[in-house]
Amino acid sequence: VAAAAEDPAKVWEAKDLMARGEKVYAANCVACHQANGKGVPGAFPALDGSKVVNGPTADQLNVVMNGVSKNGAPTAMVAWKGTLSDADIAAVVTYERNAWGNKAGDVVQPAEIRAARK
């Protein structure tokens, strides 16, 4: 479904977000963070057991949407807000927070992503 055609007010079910998030993760995140969420030690951080992924949702959204800089220089973690739709970001964050050993149990809705963009 094209991002422009998605209803931003739609409330998604967890299972639908998880299924979509797994696809978004496989297409965009797996090269660095690996299929098992363990990352590559010394290069790309693990998401399985991550303090960011298991911490406040707002912190994880900030990383996914805006990327990460160290000492003012961009890192390999790029900003996805210009590439992924609100639904894709909501789905992949929901997936990461509930995949592998992560059991946050929360569901992030596209409306939250839209609000965070402002």
PDB file of N, CA and C in Angstrom:
ATOM      1  N   VAL A   1       0.858  -1.185   0.000  1.00  0.00           N
ATOM      2  CA  VAL A   1       0.000   0.000   0.000  1.00  0.00           C
ATOM      3  C   VAL A   1       0.894   1.235   0.000  1.00  0.00           C
ATOM      4  N   ALA A   2       0.637   2.139  -0.885  1.00  0.00           N
ATOM      5  CA  ALA A   2       1.434   3.367  -0.955  1.00  0.00           C
ATOM      6  C   ALA A   2       1.181   4.219   0.276  1.00  0.00           C
ATOM      7  N   ALA A   3       2.233   4.888   0.728  1.00  0.00           N
ATOM      8  CA  ALA A   3       2.133   5.709   1.936  1.00  0.00           C
ATOM      9  C   ALA A   3       1.060   6.777   1.787  1.00  0.00           C
ATOM     10  N   ALA A   4       0.942   7.366   0.610  1.00  0.00           N
ATOM     11  CA  ALA A   4      -0.025   8.440   0.401  1.00  0.00           C
ATOM     12  C   ALA A   4      -1.455   7.943   0.543  1.00  0.00           C
ATOM     13  N   ALA A   5      -1.667   6.657   0.285  1.00  0.00           N
ATOM     14  CA  ALA A   5      -3.021   6.102   0.331  1.00  0.00           C
ATOM     15  C   ALA A   5      -3.413   5.617   1.714  1.00  0.00           C
ATOM     16  N   GLU A   6      -2.478   5.581   2.655  1.00  0.00           N
ATOM     17  CA  GLU A   6      -2.779   5.070   3.988  1.00  0.00           C
ATOM     18  C   GLU A   6      -3.523   6.100   4.815  1.00  0.00           C
ATOM     19  N   ASP A   7      -4.491   5.617   5.568  1.00  0.00           N
ATOM     20  CA  ASP A   7      -5.238   6.474   6.477  1.00  0.00           C
ATOM     21  C   ASP A   7      -4.388   6.697   7.716  1.00  0.00           C
ATOM     22  N   PRO A   8      -3.930   7.940   7.952  1.00  0.00           N
ATOM     23  CA  PRO A   8      -3.045   8.187   9.094  1.00  0.00           C
ATOM     24  C   PRO A   8      -3.727   7.975  10.443  1.00  0.00           C
ATOM     25  N   ALA A   9      -5.037   7.964  10.451  1.00  0.00           N
ATOM     26  CA  ALA A   9      -5.764   7.782  11.709  1.00  0.00           C
ATOM     27  C   ALA A   9      -6.082   6.311  11.984  1.00  0.00           C
ATOM     28  N   LYS A  10      -5.775   5.435  11.016  1.00  0.00           N
ATOM     29  CA  LYS A  10      -6.062   4.012  11.195  1.00  0.00           C
ATOM     30  C   LYS A  10      -5.332   3.487  12.419  1.00  0.00           C
ATOM     31  N   VAL A  11      -6.039   2.723  13.230  1.00  0.00           N
ATOM     32  CA  VAL A  11      -5.431   2.062  14.385  1.00  0.00           C
ATOM     33  C   VAL A  11      -5.162   0.619  13.964  1.00  0.00           C
ATOM     34  N   TRP A  12      -3.917   0.250  14.027  1.00  0.00           N
ATOM     35  CA  TRP A  12      -3.478  -1.069  13.584  1.00  0.00           C
ATOM     36  C   TRP A  12      -3.516  -2.062  14.731  1.00  0.00           C
ATOM     37  N   GLU A  13      -3.746  -3.323  14.390  1.00  0.00           N
ATOM     38  CA  GLU A  13      -3.650  -4.398  15.379  1.00  0.00           C
ATOM     39  C   GLU A  13      -2.183  -4.806  15.497  1.00  0.00           C
ATOM     40  N   ALA A  14      -1.796  -5.262  16.670  1.00  0.00           N
ATOM     41  CA  ALA A  14      -0.407  -5.633  16.925  1.00  0.00           C
ATOM     42  C   ALA A  14       0.102  -6.655  15.912  1.00  0.00           C
ATOM     43  N   LYS A  15      -0.701  -7.670  15.593  1.00  0.00           N
ATOM     44  CA  LYS A  15      -0.232  -8.716  14.681  1.00  0.00           C
ATOM     45  C   LYS A  15       0.053  -8.158  13.291  1.00  0.00           C
ATOM     46  N   ASP A  16      -0.750  -7.179  12.851  1.00  0.00           N
ATOM     47  CA  ASP A  16      -0.535  -6.573  11.534  1.00  0.00           C
ATOM     48  C   ASP A  16       0.716  -5.704  11.525  1.00  0.00           C
ATOM     49  N   LEU A  17       0.924  -4.963  12.607  1.00  0.00           N
ATOM     50  CA  LEU A  17       2.141  -4.154  12.721  1.00  0.00           C
ATOM     51  C   LEU A  17       3.374  -5.046  12.785  1.00  0.00           C
ATOM     52  N   MET A  18       3.292  -6.137  13.516  1.00  0.00           N
ATOM     53  CA  MET A  18       4.430  -7.050  13.626  1.00  0.00           C
ATOM     54  C   MET A  18       4.773  -7.647  12.264  1.00  0.00           C
ATOM     55  N   ALA A  19       3.774  -8.062  11.512  1.00  0.00           N
ATOM     56  CA  ALA A  19       4.015  -8.656  10.193  1.00  0.00           C
ATOM     57  C   ALA A  19       4.635  -7.627   9.248  1.00  0.00           C
ATOM     58  N   ARG A  20       4.080  -6.425   9.243  1.00  0.00           N
ATOM     59  CA  ARG A  20       4.639  -5.377   8.391  1.00  0.00           C
ATOM     60  C   ARG A  20       6.036  -4.975   8.870  1.00  0.00           C
ATOM     61  N   GLY A  21       6.199  -4.862  10.181  1.00  0.00           N
ATOM     62  CA  GLY A  21       7.491  -4.479  10.741  1.00  0.00           C
ATOM     63  C   GLY A  21       8.587  -5.466  10.421  1.00  0.00           C
ATOM     64  N   GLU A  22       8.251  -6.744  10.400  1.00  0.00           N
ATOM     65  CA  GLU A  22       9.247  -7.762  10.059  1.00  0.00           C
ATOM     66  C   GLU A  22       9.735  -7.559   8.618  1.00  0.00           C
ATOM     67  N   LYS A  23       8.815  -7.196   7.719  1.00  0.00           N
ATOM     68  CA  LYS A  23       9.191  -6.945   6.318  1.00  0.00           C
ATOM     69  C   LYS A  23      10.027  -5.672   6.192  1.00  0.00           C
ATOM     70  N   VAL A  24       9.641  -4.613   6.907  1.00  0.00           N
ATOM     71  CA  VAL A  24      10.399  -3.358   6.870  1.00  0.00           C
ATOM     72  C   VAL A  24      11.798  -3.590   7.436  1.00  0.00           C
ATOM     73  N   TYR A  25      11.882  -4.344   8.521  1.00  0.00           N
ATOM     74  CA  TYR A  25      13.174  -4.664   9.139  1.00  0.00           C
ATOM     75  C   TYR A  25      14.051  -5.433   8.152  1.00  0.00           C
ATOM     76  N   ALA A  26      13.475  -6.441   7.508  1.00  0.00           N
ATOM     77  CA  ALA A  26      14.240  -7.264   6.553  1.00  0.00           C
ATOM     78  C   ALA A  26      14.747  -6.419   5.385  1.00  0.00           C
ATOM     79  N   ALA A  27      13.982  -5.429   4.974  1.00  0.00           N
ATOM     80  CA  ALA A  27      14.360  -4.607   3.823  1.00  0.00           C
ATOM     81  C   ALA A  27      15.351  -3.500   4.175  1.00  0.00           C
ATOM     82  N   ASN A  28      15.350  -3.018   5.436  1.00  0.00           N
ATOM     83  CA  ASN A  28      16.105  -1.813   5.765  1.00  0.00           C
ATOM     84  C   ASN A  28      17.104  -1.943   6.907  1.00  0.00           C
ATOM     85  N   CYS A  29      16.897  -2.879   7.811  1.00  0.00           N
ATOM     86  CA  CYS A  29      17.671  -2.906   9.055  1.00  0.00           C
ATOM     87  C   CYS A  29      18.577  -4.117   9.190  1.00  0.00           C
ATOM     88  N   VAL A  30      18.211  -5.212   8.517  1.00  0.00           N
ATOM     89  CA  VAL A  30      18.867  -6.497   8.737  1.00  0.00           C
ATOM     90  C   VAL A  30      20.348  -6.486   8.355  1.00  0.00           C
ATOM     91  N   ALA A  31      20.740  -5.689   7.373  1.00  0.00           N
ATOM     92  CA  ALA A  31      22.144  -5.687   6.932  1.00  0.00           C
ATOM     93  C   ALA A  31      23.078  -5.304   8.072  1.00  0.00           C
ATOM     94  N   CYS A  32      22.660  -4.371   8.902  1.00  0.00           N
ATOM     95  CA  CYS A  32      23.505  -3.944  10.027  1.00  0.00           C
ATOM     96  C   CYS A  32      23.165  -4.675  11.326  1.00  0.00           C
ATOM     97  N   HIS A  33      21.882  -4.731  11.650  1.00  0.00           N
ATOM     98  CA  HIS A  33      21.470  -5.260  12.950  1.00  0.00           C
ATOM     99  C   HIS A  33      21.236  -6.769  12.944  1.00  0.00           C
ATOM    100  N   GLN A  34      21.313  -7.409  11.761  1.00  0.00           N
ATOM    101  CA  GLN A  34      21.216  -8.857  11.591  1.00  0.00           C
ATOM    102  C   GLN A  34      19.805  -9.388  11.837  1.00  0.00           C
ATOM    103  N   ALA A  35      19.517 -10.539  11.227  1.00  0.00           N
ATOM    104  CA  ALA A  35      18.187 -11.143  11.313  1.00  0.00           C
ATOM    105  C   ALA A  35      17.818 -11.503  12.748  1.00  0.00           C
ATOM    106  N   ASN A  36      18.828 -11.823  13.569  1.00  0.00           N
ATOM    107  CA  ASN A  36      18.571 -12.218  14.951  1.00  0.00           C
ATOM    108  C   ASN A  36      18.591 -11.030  15.917  1.00  0.00           C
ATOM    109  N   GLY A  37      18.766  -9.809  15.372  1.00  0.00           N
ATOM    110  CA  GLY A  37      18.778  -8.618  16.223  1.00  0.00           C
ATOM    111  C   GLY A  37      20.042  -8.457  17.051  1.00  0.00           C
ATOM    112  N   LYS A  38      21.046  -9.293  16.821  1.00  0.00           N
ATOM    113  CA  LYS A  38      22.262  -9.267  17.643  1.00  0.00           C
ATOM    114  C   LYS A  38      23.301  -8.261  17.152  1.00  0.00           C
ATOM    115  N   GLY A  39      23.080  -7.640  15.966  1.00  0.00           N
ATOM    116  CA  GLY A  39      24.021  -6.664  15.450  1.00  0.00           C
ATOM    117  C   GLY A  39      25.366  -7.283  15.124  1.00  0.00           C
ATOM    118  N   VAL A  40      26.376  -6.429  14.982  1.00  0.00           N
ATOM    119  CA  VAL A  40      27.755  -6.868  14.739  1.00  0.00           C
ATOM    120  C   VAL A  40      28.605  -6.189  15.804  1.00  0.00           C
ATOM    121  N   PRO A  41      29.111  -6.956  16.765  1.00  0.00           N
ATOM    122  CA  PRO A  41      29.872  -6.354  17.865  1.00  0.00           C
ATOM    123  C   PRO A  41      30.974  -5.412  17.366  1.00  0.00           C
ATOM    124  N   GLY A  42      31.015  -4.237  17.947  1.00  0.00           N
ATOM    125  CA  GLY A  42      32.005  -3.248  17.593  1.00  0.00           C
ATOM    126  C   GLY A  42      31.656  -2.412  16.372  1.00  0.00           C
ATOM    127  N   ALA A  43      30.604  -2.816  15.644  1.00  0.00           N
ATOM    128  CA  ALA A  43      30.224  -2.076  14.435  1.00  0.00           C
ATOM    129  C   ALA A  43      28.774  -1.597  14.499  1.00  0.00           C
ATOM    130  N   PHE A  44      27.853  -2.527  14.702  1.00  0.00           N
ATOM    131  CA  PHE A  44      26.430  -2.201  14.712  1.00  0.00           C
ATOM    132  C   PHE A  44      25.800  -2.773  15.975  1.00  0.00           C
ATOM    133  N   PRO A  45      25.144  -1.937  16.778  1.00  0.00           N
ATOM    134  CA  PRO A  45      24.629  -2.417  18.059  1.00  0.00           C
ATOM    135  C   PRO A  45      23.505  -3.448  17.918  1.00  0.00           C
ATOM    136  N   ALA A  46      23.443  -4.305  18.908  1.00  0.00           N
ATOM    137  CA  ALA A  46      22.349  -5.266  18.997  1.00  0.00           C
ATOM    138  C   ALA A  46      21.060  -4.520  19.329  1.00  0.00           C
ATOM    139  N   LEU A  47      19.965  -4.972  18.759  1.00  0.00           N
ATOM    140  CA  LEU A  47      18.641  -4.457  19.131  1.00  0.00           C
ATOM    141  C   LEU A  47      17.978  -5.405  20.124  1.00  0.00           C
ATOM    142  N   ASP A  48      18.354  -6.675  20.082  1.00  0.00           N
ATOM    143  CA  ASP A  48      17.862  -7.664  21.030  1.00  0.00           C
ATOM    144  C   ASP A  48      18.496  -7.347  22.384  1.00  0.00           C
ATOM    145  N   GLY A  49      17.676  -6.946  23.333  1.00  0.00           N
ATOM    146  CA  GLY A  49      18.166  -6.599  24.661  1.00  0.00           C
ATOM    147  C   GLY A  49      18.648  -5.162  24.790  1.00  0.00           C
ATOM    148  N   SER A  50      18.512  -4.376  23.738  1.00  0.00           N
ATOM    149  CA  SER A  50      18.974  -2.986  23.738  1.00  0.00           C
ATOM    150  C   SER A  50      18.233  -2.131  24.759  1.00  0.00           C
ATOM    151  N   LYS A  51      18.990  -1.271  25.465  1.00  0.00           N
ATOM    152  CA  LYS A  51      18.369  -0.331  26.407  1.00  0.00           C
ATOM    153  C   LYS A  51      17.485   0.663  25.668  1.00  0.00           C
ATOM    154  N   VAL A  52      17.858   1.034  24.448  1.00  0.00           N
ATOM    155  CA  VAL A  52      17.044   1.977  23.664  1.00  0.00           C
ATOM    156  C   VAL A  52      15.733   1.313  23.248  1.00  0.00           C
ATOM    157  N   VAL A  53      15.825   0.096  22.720  1.00  0.00           N
ATOM    158  CA  VAL A  53      14.629  -0.609  22.240  1.00  0.00           C
ATOM    159  C   VAL A  53      13.693  -0.958  23.396  1.00  0.00           C
ATOM    160  N   ASN A  54      14.253  -1.283  24.536  1.00  0.00           N
ATOM    161  CA  ASN A  54      13.435  -1.677  25.684  1.00  0.00           C
ATOM    162  C   ASN A  54      13.113  -0.515  26.616  1.00  0.00           C
ATOM    163  N   GLY A  55      13.614   0.669  26.291  1.00  0.00           N
ATOM    164  CA  GLY A  55      13.364   1.852  27.103  1.00  0.00           C
ATOM    165  C   GLY A  55      12.158   2.628  26.600  1.00  0.00           C
ATOM    166  N   PRO A  56      12.117   3.925  26.901  1.00  0.00           N
ATOM    167  CA  PRO A  56      10.989   4.738  26.457  1.00  0.00           C
ATOM    168  C   PRO A  56      10.845   4.728  24.933  1.00  0.00           C
ATOM    169  N   THR A  57       9.620   4.567  24.464  1.00  0.00           N
ATOM    170  CA  THR A  57       9.350   4.535  23.024  1.00  0.00           C
ATOM    171  C   THR A  57       9.891   5.780  22.335  1.00  0.00           C
ATOM    172  N   ALA A  58       9.753   6.940  22.972  1.00  0.00           N
ATOM    173  CA  ALA A  58      10.196   8.206  22.366  1.00  0.00           C
ATOM    174  C   ALA A  58      11.685   8.181  22.036  1.00  0.00           C
ATOM    175  N   ASP A  59      12.491   7.520  22.875  1.00  0.00           N
ATOM    176  CA  ASP A  59      13.930   7.444  22.623  1.00  0.00           C
ATOM    177  C   ASP A  59      14.217   6.624  21.366  1.00  0.00           C
ATOM    178  N   GLN A  60      13.522   5.506  21.221  1.00  0.00           N
ATOM    179  CA  GLN A  60      13.725   4.669  20.035  1.00  0.00           C
ATOM    180  C   GLN A  60      13.225   5.384  18.783  1.00  0.00           C
ATOM    181  N   LEU A  61      12.075   6.042  18.881  1.00  0.00           N
ATOM    182  CA  LEU A  61      11.553   6.787  17.730  1.00  0.00           C
ATOM    183  C   LEU A  61      12.540   7.853  17.289  1.00  0.00           C
ATOM    184  N   ASN A  62      13.159   8.529  18.232  1.00  0.00           N
ATOM    185  CA  ASN A  62      14.142   9.560  17.900  1.00  0.00           C
ATOM    186  C   ASN A  62      15.297   8.972  17.095  1.00  0.00           C
ATOM    187  N   VAL A  63      15.789   7.814  17.508  1.00  0.00           N
ATOM    188  CA  VAL A  63      16.904   7.177  16.799  1.00  0.00           C
ATOM    189  C   VAL A  63      16.475   6.762  15.393  1.00  0.00           C
ATOM    190  N   VAL A  64      15.328   6.099  15.280  1.00  0.00           N
ATOM    191  CA  VAL A  64      14.873   5.617  13.971  1.00  0.00           C
ATOM    192  C   VAL A  64      14.568   6.787  13.031  1.00  0.00           C
ATOM    193  N   MET A  65      13.916   7.798  13.546  1.00  0.00           N
ATOM    194  CA  MET A  65      13.513   8.913  12.690  1.00  0.00           C
ATOM    195  C   MET A  65      14.658   9.849  12.344  1.00  0.00           C
ATOM    196  N   ASN A  66      15.548  10.124  13.307  1.00  0.00           N
ATOM    197  CA  ASN A  66      16.576  11.155  13.125  1.00  0.00           C
ATOM    198  C   ASN A  66      17.993  10.631  12.973  1.00  0.00           C
ATOM    199  N   GLY A  67      18.186   9.327  13.132  1.00  0.00           N
ATOM    200  CA  GLY A  67      19.520   8.766  13.030  1.00  0.00           C
ATOM    201  C   GLY A  67      20.349   9.074  14.263  1.00  0.00           C
ATOM    202  N   VAL A  68      21.635   8.753  14.195  1.00  0.00           N
ATOM    203  CA  VAL A  68      22.540   8.948  15.324  1.00  0.00           C
ATOM    204  C   VAL A  68      23.790   9.669  14.842  1.00  0.00           C
ATOM    205  N   SER A  69      24.192  10.681  15.595  1.00  0.00           N
ATOM    206  CA  SER A  69      25.454  11.377  15.349  1.00  0.00           C
ATOM    207  C   SER A  69      26.345  11.193  16.563  1.00  0.00           C
ATOM    208  N   LYS A  70      27.626  11.088  16.324  1.00  0.00           N
ATOM    209  CA  LYS A  70      28.605  11.048  17.415  1.00  0.00           C
ATOM    210  C   LYS A  70      29.612  12.148  17.150  1.00  0.00           C
ATOM    211  N   ASN A  71      29.824  12.987  18.143  1.00  0.00           N
ATOM    212  CA  ASN A  71      30.750  14.117  18.013  1.00  0.00           C
ATOM    213  C   ASN A  71      30.412  14.986  16.803  1.00  0.00           C
ATOM    214  N   GLY A  72      29.111  15.148  16.547  1.00  0.00           N
ATOM    215  CA  GLY A  72      28.655  15.998  15.454  1.00  0.00           C
ATOM    216  C   GLY A  72      28.727  15.374  14.073  1.00  0.00           C
ATOM    217  N   ALA A  73      29.206  14.148  13.984  1.00  0.00           N
ATOM    218  CA  ALA A  73      29.314  13.477  12.680  1.00  0.00           C
ATOM    219  C   ALA A  73      28.285  12.351  12.590  1.00  0.00           C
ATOM    220  N   PRO A  74      27.646  12.201  11.430  1.00  0.00           N
ATOM    221  CA  PRO A  74      26.673  11.112  11.290  1.00  0.00           C
ATOM    222  C   PRO A  74      27.341   9.742  11.415  1.00  0.00           C
ATOM    223  N   THR A  75      26.595   8.803  11.932  1.00  0.00           N
ATOM    224  CA  THR A  75      27.065   7.420  12.030  1.00  0.00           C
ATOM    225  C   THR A  75      26.365   6.620  10.930  1.00  0.00           C
ATOM    226  N   ALA A  76      26.567   5.314  10.945  1.00  0.00           N
ATOM    227  CA  ALA A  76      25.897   4.445   9.969  1.00  0.00           C
ATOM    228  C   ALA A  76      24.382   4.419  10.191  1.00  0.00           C
ATOM    229  N   MET A  77      23.927   4.809  11.401  1.00  0.00           N
ATOM    230  CA  MET A  77      22.492   4.839  11.691  1.00  0.00           C
ATOM    231  C   MET A  77      21.912   6.119  11.115  1.00  0.00           C
ATOM    232  N   VAL A  78      21.330   5.967   9.938  1.00  0.00           N
ATOM    233  CA  VAL A  78      20.784   7.118   9.217  1.00  0.00           C
ATOM    234  C   VAL A  78      19.377   7.444   9.699  1.00  0.00           C
ATOM    235  N   ALA A  79      18.914   8.632   9.362  1.00  0.00           N
ATOM    236  CA  ALA A  79      17.538   9.035   9.657  1.00  0.00           C
ATOM    237  C   ALA A  79      16.606   8.376   8.643  1.00  0.00           C
ATOM    238  N   TRP A  80      15.532   7.783   9.128  1.00  0.00           N
ATOM    239  CA  TRP A  80      14.575   7.105   8.258  1.00  0.00           C
ATOM    240  C   TRP A  80      13.311   7.923   8.026  1.00  0.00           C
ATOM    241  N   LYS A  81      13.182   9.086   8.677  1.00  0.00           N
ATOM    242  CA  LYS A  81      11.930   9.847   8.549  1.00  0.00           C
ATOM    243  C   LYS A  81      11.668  10.334   7.129  1.00  0.00           C
ATOM    244  N   GLY A  82      12.701  10.503   6.331  1.00  0.00           N
ATOM    245  CA  GLY A  82      12.504  10.936   4.960  1.00  0.00           C
ATOM    246  C   GLY A  82      12.316   9.795   3.986  1.00  0.00           C
ATOM    247  N   THR A  83      12.516   8.570   4.440  1.00  0.00           N
ATOM    248  CA  THR A  83      12.473   7.391   3.577  1.00  0.00           C
ATOM    249  C   THR A  83      11.260   6.512   3.843  1.00  0.00           C
ATOM    250  N   LEU A  84      10.965   6.287   5.120  1.00  0.00           N
ATOM    251  CA  LEU A  84       9.886   5.372   5.493  1.00  0.00           C
ATOM    252  C   LEU A  84       8.610   6.134   5.850  1.00  0.00           C
ATOM    253  N   SER A  85       7.482   5.521   5.552  1.00  0.00           N
ATOM    254  CA  SER A  85       6.180   6.100   5.892  1.00  0.00           C
ATOM    255  C   SER A  85       5.935   6.018   7.395  1.00  0.00           C
ATOM    256  N   ASP A  86       4.937   6.761   7.859  1.00  0.00           N
ATOM    257  CA  ASP A  86       4.555   6.695   9.275  1.00  0.00           C
ATOM    258  C   ASP A  86       4.210   5.259   9.663  1.00  0.00           C
ATOM    259  N   ALA A  87       3.465   4.567   8.792  1.00  0.00           N
ATOM    260  CA  ALA A  87       3.068   3.190   9.097  1.00  0.00           C
ATOM    261  C   ALA A  87       4.284   2.263   9.132  1.00  0.00           C
ATOM    262  N   ASP A  88       5.242   2.473   8.224  1.00  0.00           N
ATOM    263  CA  ASP A  88       6.440   1.627   8.219  1.00  0.00           C
ATOM    264  C   ASP A  88       7.271   1.842   9.477  1.00  0.00           C
ATOM    265  N   ILE A  89       7.431   3.096   9.893  1.00  0.00           N
ATOM    266  CA  ILE A  89       8.206   3.365  11.115  1.00  0.00           C
ATOM    267  C   ILE A  89       7.485   2.785  12.330  1.00  0.00           C
ATOM    268  N   ALA A  90       6.175   2.988  12.414  1.00  0.00           N
ATOM    269  CA  ALA A  90       5.404   2.422  13.529  1.00  0.00           C
ATOM    270  C   ALA A  90       5.541   0.902  13.551  1.00  0.00           C
ATOM    271  N   ALA A  91       5.469   0.302  12.381  1.00  0.00           N
ATOM    272  CA  ALA A  91       5.545  -1.162  12.294  1.00  0.00           C
ATOM    273  C   ALA A  91       6.916  -1.683  12.697  1.00  0.00           C
ATOM    274  N   VAL A  92       7.978  -1.062  12.197  1.00  0.00           N
ATOM    275  CA  VAL A  92       9.311  -1.590  12.506  1.00  0.00           C
ATOM    276  C   VAL A  92       9.676  -1.360  13.973  1.00  0.00           C
ATOM    277  N   VAL A  93       9.248  -0.250  14.541  1.00  0.00           N
ATOM    278  CA  VAL A  93       9.515  -0.010  15.963  1.00  0.00           C
ATOM    279  C   VAL A  93       8.722  -1.008  16.813  1.00  0.00           C
ATOM    280  N   THR A  94       7.466  -1.241  16.461  1.00  0.00           N
ATOM    281  CA  THR A  94       6.659  -2.241  17.173  1.00  0.00           C
ATOM    282  C   THR A  94       7.317  -3.612  17.070  1.00  0.00           C
ATOM    283  N   TYR A  95       7.771  -3.952  15.865  1.00  0.00           N
ATOM    284  CA  TYR A  95       8.435  -5.248  15.660  1.00  0.00           C
ATOM    285  C   TYR A  95       9.680  -5.375  16.540  1.00  0.00           C
ATOM    286  N   GLU A  96      10.554  -4.375  16.494  1.00  0.00           N
ATOM    287  CA  GLU A  96      11.799  -4.437  17.260  1.00  0.00           C
ATOM    288  C   GLU A  96      11.546  -4.516  18.760  1.00  0.00           C
ATOM    289  N   ARG A  97      10.504  -3.839  19.238  1.00  0.00           N
ATOM    290  CA  ARG A  97      10.205  -3.818  20.677  1.00  0.00           C
ATOM    291  C   ARG A  97       9.598  -5.134  21.165  1.00  0.00           C
ATOM    292  N   ASN A  98       9.173  -5.988  20.221  1.00  0.00           N
ATOM    293  CA  ASN A  98       8.492  -7.225  20.591  1.00  0.00           C
ATOM    294  C   ASN A  98       9.101  -8.466  19.935  1.00  0.00           C
ATOM    295  N   ALA A  99      10.259  -8.322  19.276  1.00  0.00           N
ATOM    296  CA  ALA A  99      10.916  -9.453  18.612  1.00  0.00           C
ATOM    297  C   ALA A  99      12.077  -9.949  19.468  1.00  0.00           C
ATOM    298  N   TRP A 100      12.571 -11.128  19.101  1.00  0.00           N
ATOM    299  CA  TRP A 100      13.714 -11.728  19.772  1.00  0.00           C
ATOM    300  C   TRP A 100      13.419 -11.849  21.269  1.00  0.00           C
ATOM    301  N   GLY A 101      14.291 -11.355  22.118  1.00  0.00           N
ATOM    302  CA  GLY A 101      14.054 -11.405  23.562  1.00  0.00           C
ATOM    303  C   GLY A 101      13.364 -10.163  24.094  1.00  0.00           C
ATOM    304  N   ASN A 102      13.060  -9.216  23.214  1.00  0.00           N
ATOM    305  CA  ASN A 102      12.409  -7.973  23.647  1.00  0.00           C
ATOM    306  C   ASN A 102      10.920  -8.219  23.846  1.00  0.00           C
ATOM    307  N   LYS A 103      10.419  -7.835  24.984  1.00  0.00           N
ATOM    308  CA  LYS A 103       9.010  -8.074  25.309  1.00  0.00           C
ATOM    309  C   LYS A 103       8.367  -6.796  25.846  1.00  0.00           C
ATOM    310  N   ALA A 104       8.589  -5.676  25.162  1.00  0.00           N
ATOM    311  CA  ALA A 104       8.016  -4.408  25.621  1.00  0.00           C
ATOM    312  C   ALA A 104       6.493  -4.492  25.666  1.00  0.00           C
ATOM    313  N   GLY A 105       5.916  -5.235  24.719  1.00  0.00           N
ATOM    314  CA  GLY A 105       4.474  -5.421  24.714  1.00  0.00           C
ATOM    315  C   GLY A 105       3.704  -4.243  24.168  1.00  0.00           C
ATOM    316  N   ASP A 106       4.396  -3.157  23.813  1.00  0.00           N
ATOM    317  CA  ASP A 106       3.643  -2.015  23.328  1.00  0.00           C
ATOM    318  C   ASP A 106       3.522  -2.025  21.814  1.00  0.00           C
ATOM    319  N   VAL A 107       2.544  -1.263  21.358  1.00  0.00           N
ATOM    320  CA  VAL A 107       2.238  -1.143  19.943  1.00  0.00           C
ATOM    321  C   VAL A 107       2.310   0.334  19.605  1.00  0.00           C
ATOM    322  N   VAL A 108       3.108   0.675  18.596  1.00  0.00           N
ATOM    323  CA  VAL A 108       3.252   2.061  18.169  1.00  0.00           C
ATOM    324  C   VAL A 108       2.367   2.273  16.941  1.00  0.00           C
ATOM    325  N   GLN A 109       1.542   3.293  17.000  1.00  0.00           N
ATOM    326  CA  GLN A 109       0.601   3.572  15.913  1.00  0.00           C
ATOM    327  C   GLN A 109       1.159   4.652  14.976  1.00  0.00           C
ATOM    328  N   PRO A 110       0.802   4.597  13.681  1.00  0.00           N
ATOM    329  CA  PRO A 110       1.255   5.616  12.730  1.00  0.00           C
ATOM    330  C   PRO A 110       0.945   7.050  13.165  1.00  0.00           C
ATOM    331  N   ALA A 111      -0.157   7.263  13.865  1.00  0.00           N
ATOM    332  CA  ALA A 111      -0.491   8.622  14.329  1.00  0.00           C
ATOM    333  C   ALA A 111       0.589   9.164  15.269  1.00  0.00           C
ATOM    334  N   GLU A 112       1.226   8.279  16.055  1.00  0.00           N
ATOM    335  CA  GLU A 112       2.316   8.706  16.948  1.00  0.00           C
ATOM    336  C   GLU A 112       3.522   9.170  16.133  1.00  0.00           C
ATOM    337  N   ILE A 113       3.778   8.502  15.022  1.00  0.00           N
ATOM    338  CA  ILE A 113       4.902   8.884  14.159  1.00  0.00           C
ATOM    339  C   ILE A 113       4.604  10.225  13.511  1.00  0.00           C
ATOM    340  N   ARG A 114       3.394  10.372  13.023  1.00  0.00           N
ATOM    341  CA  ARG A 114       3.009  11.647  12.403  1.00  0.00           C
ATOM    342  C   ARG A 114       3.173  12.793  13.389  1.00  0.00           C
ATOM    343  N   ALA A 115       2.761  12.575  14.639  1.00  0.00           N
ATOM    344  CA  ALA A 115       2.890  13.618  15.663  1.00  0.00           C
ATOM    345  C   ALA A 115       4.360  13.901  15.965  1.00  0.00           C
ATOM    346  N   ALA A 116       5.201  12.868  15.950  1.00  0.00           N
ATOM    347  CA  ALA A 116       6.626  13.058  16.252  1.00  0.00           C
ATOM    348  C   ALA A 116       7.359  13.804  15.141  1.00  0.00           C
ATOM    349  N   ARG A 117       6.811  13.803  13.948  1.00  0.00           N
ATOM    350  CA  ARG A 117       7.434  14.515  12.817  1.00  0.00           C
ATOM    351  C   ARG A 117       7.283  16.033  12.957  1.00  0.00           C
ATOM    352  N   LYS A 118       6.312  16.473  13.751  1.00  0.00           N
ATOM    353  CA  LYS A 118       6.023  17.906  13.832  1.00  0.00           C
ATOM    354  C   LYS A 118       6.968  18.636  14.754  1.00  0.00           C
TER     355      LYS A 118
END
